[in-house]
Amino acid sequence: MAAVRERFEWSSNMAAFPPNAMGWSVADVKQWAVEQVGIDAEDADKLVRQKIDGKHLLKMTEAMLLSIGMSLAAAVDLMEAIEGLSGGGGSSSVAGGVVLS
């Protein structure tokens, strides 16, 4: 799990995003997915079509991502990044500089 968190460490590029991922807009999620996670725009557009904002992003599962037609590679990368955002589980935490409540 530490390797996942290191991969998605806070960077100066993350300053462009609201500090609480729960408050991210659909556009924020798309930008984060493309610029920070590295998925392609085609897969990121699938998040937009489903209106996935920060609140919903943090509840996503790999099965959900695959069900909207996302490539397996993008789904795996996103799940690793989402785990990094949420600190790997349940309660309020700070991971990668993103505060979740």
Protein backbone atom coordinates (compact mmCIF):
# COMPACT_ATOMS: atom_id res chain seq x y z
CA MET A 1 0.00 0.00 0.00
CA ALA A 2 2.91 2.36 0.66
CA ALA A 3 3.97 2.11 -2.99
CA VAL A 4 0.49 3.18 -4.07
CA ARG A 5 0.58 6.20 -1.78
CA GLU A 6 4.07 7.13 -3.02
CA ARG A 7 2.92 6.93 -6.63
CA PHE A 8 0.13 9.41 -5.98
CA GLU A 9 1.96 11.68 -3.52
CA TRP A 10 0.89 15.27 -3.18
CA SER A 11 2.55 17.38 -5.83
CA SER A 12 2.52 21.07 -6.61
CA ASN A 13 0.17 20.20 -9.48
CA MET A 14 -2.44 19.09 -6.92
CA ALA A 15 -2.69 22.69 -5.71
CA ALA A 16 -5.07 23.30 -8.62
CA PHE A 17 -7.66 21.04 -6.97
CA PRO A 18 -9.91 21.88 -4.04
CA PRO A 19 -8.24 20.46 -0.89
CA ASN A 20 -11.19 18.21 -0.05
CA ALA A 21 -11.72 15.57 -2.75
CA MET A 22 -15.35 15.25 -1.64
CA GLY A 23 -15.86 18.75 -3.05
CA TRP A 24 -14.34 18.08 -6.46
CA SER A 25 -16.54 18.86 -9.46
CA VAL A 26 -16.92 16.52 -12.43
CA ALA A 27 -14.36 18.69 -14.26
CA ASP A 28 -11.93 18.42 -11.31
CA VAL A 29 -12.23 14.63 -11.36
CA LYS A 30 -11.55 14.49 -15.09
CA GLN A 31 -8.56 16.80 -14.81
CA TRP A 32 -7.15 14.81 -11.86
CA ALA A 33 -7.67 11.50 -13.67
CA VAL A 34 -5.84 12.70 -16.78
CA GLU A 35 -3.10 14.87 -15.25
CA GLN A 36 -2.35 13.10 -11.97
CA VAL A 37 -3.36 9.48 -12.57
CA GLY A 38 -2.42 9.42 -16.24
CA ILE A 39 -5.47 7.81 -17.80
CA ASP A 40 -6.33 8.83 -21.33
CA ALA A 41 -9.01 11.38 -22.14
CA GLU A 42 -11.29 8.73 -23.65
CA ASP A 43 -11.49 6.85 -20.34
CA ALA A 44 -11.76 10.12 -18.38
CA ASP A 45 -14.72 11.13 -20.55
CA LYS A 46 -16.53 8.02 -19.32
CA LEU A 47 -16.37 9.51 -15.82
CA VAL A 48 -17.80 12.77 -17.16
CA ARG A 49 -20.66 11.00 -18.95
CA GLN A 50 -21.57 9.33 -15.65
CA LYS A 51 -21.29 12.67 -13.79
CA ILE A 52 -18.66 11.33 -11.39
CA ASP A 53 -17.69 14.12 -9.00
CA GLY A 54 -15.38 13.80 -6.00
CA LYS A 55 -18.07 12.44 -3.70
CA HIS A 56 -18.91 9.67 -6.15
CA LEU A 57 -15.30 9.05 -7.16
CA LEU A 58 -14.42 8.07 -3.59
CA LYS A 59 -17.19 5.44 -3.63
CA MET A 60 -16.18 3.85 -6.94
CA THR A 61 -15.12 0.23 -7.18
CA GLU A 62 -13.16 -1.44 -9.93
CA ALA A 63 -16.33 -3.26 -11.00
CA MET A 64 -18.16 0.07 -11.34
CA LEU A 65 -15.37 1.52 -13.45
CA LEU A 66 -15.38 -1.53 -15.71
CA SER A 67 -19.18 -1.42 -15.99
CA ILE A 68 -19.00 2.06 -17.56
CA GLY A 69 -16.64 0.74 -20.21
CA MET A 70 -13.34 1.90 -18.76
CA SER A 71 -10.27 -0.06 -19.83
CA LEU A 72 -8.92 -2.50 -17.25
CA ALA A 73 -5.60 -0.63 -17.05
CA ALA A 74 -7.35 2.69 -16.40
CA ALA A 75 -9.64 1.08 -13.81
CA VAL A 76 -6.68 -0.40 -11.93
CA ASP A 77 -4.76 2.89 -12.02
CA LEU A 78 -7.80 4.83 -10.84
CA MET A 79 -8.47 2.42 -7.98
CA GLU A 80 -4.86 2.75 -6.79
CA ALA A 81 -5.16 6.53 -6.93
CA ILE A 82 -8.56 6.55 -5.20
CA GLU A 83 -7.12 4.41 -2.40
CA GLY A 84 -4.33 6.97 -2.10
CA LEU A 85 -6.87 9.79 -1.83
CA SER A 86 -8.92 8.01 0.79
CA GLY A 87 -5.97 6.69 2.77
CA GLY A 88 -6.92 3.13 1.88
CA GLY A 89 -10.17 3.02 3.75
CA GLY A 90 -12.99 4.15 5.84
CA SER A 91 -12.82 7.22 8.00
CA SER A 92 -11.66 10.78 7.77
CA SER A 93 -8.02 11.00 6.76
CA VAL A 94 -5.37 12.98 5.02
CA ALA A 95 -3.60 11.14 2.24
CA GLY A 96 -1.48 12.64 -0.46
CA GLY A 97 -2.35 16.04 0.94
CA VAL A 98 -6.06 15.64 0.23
CA VAL A 99 -8.36 16.04 3.22
CA LEU A 100 -11.41 13.82 3.35
CA SER A 101 -14.20 14.06 5.85
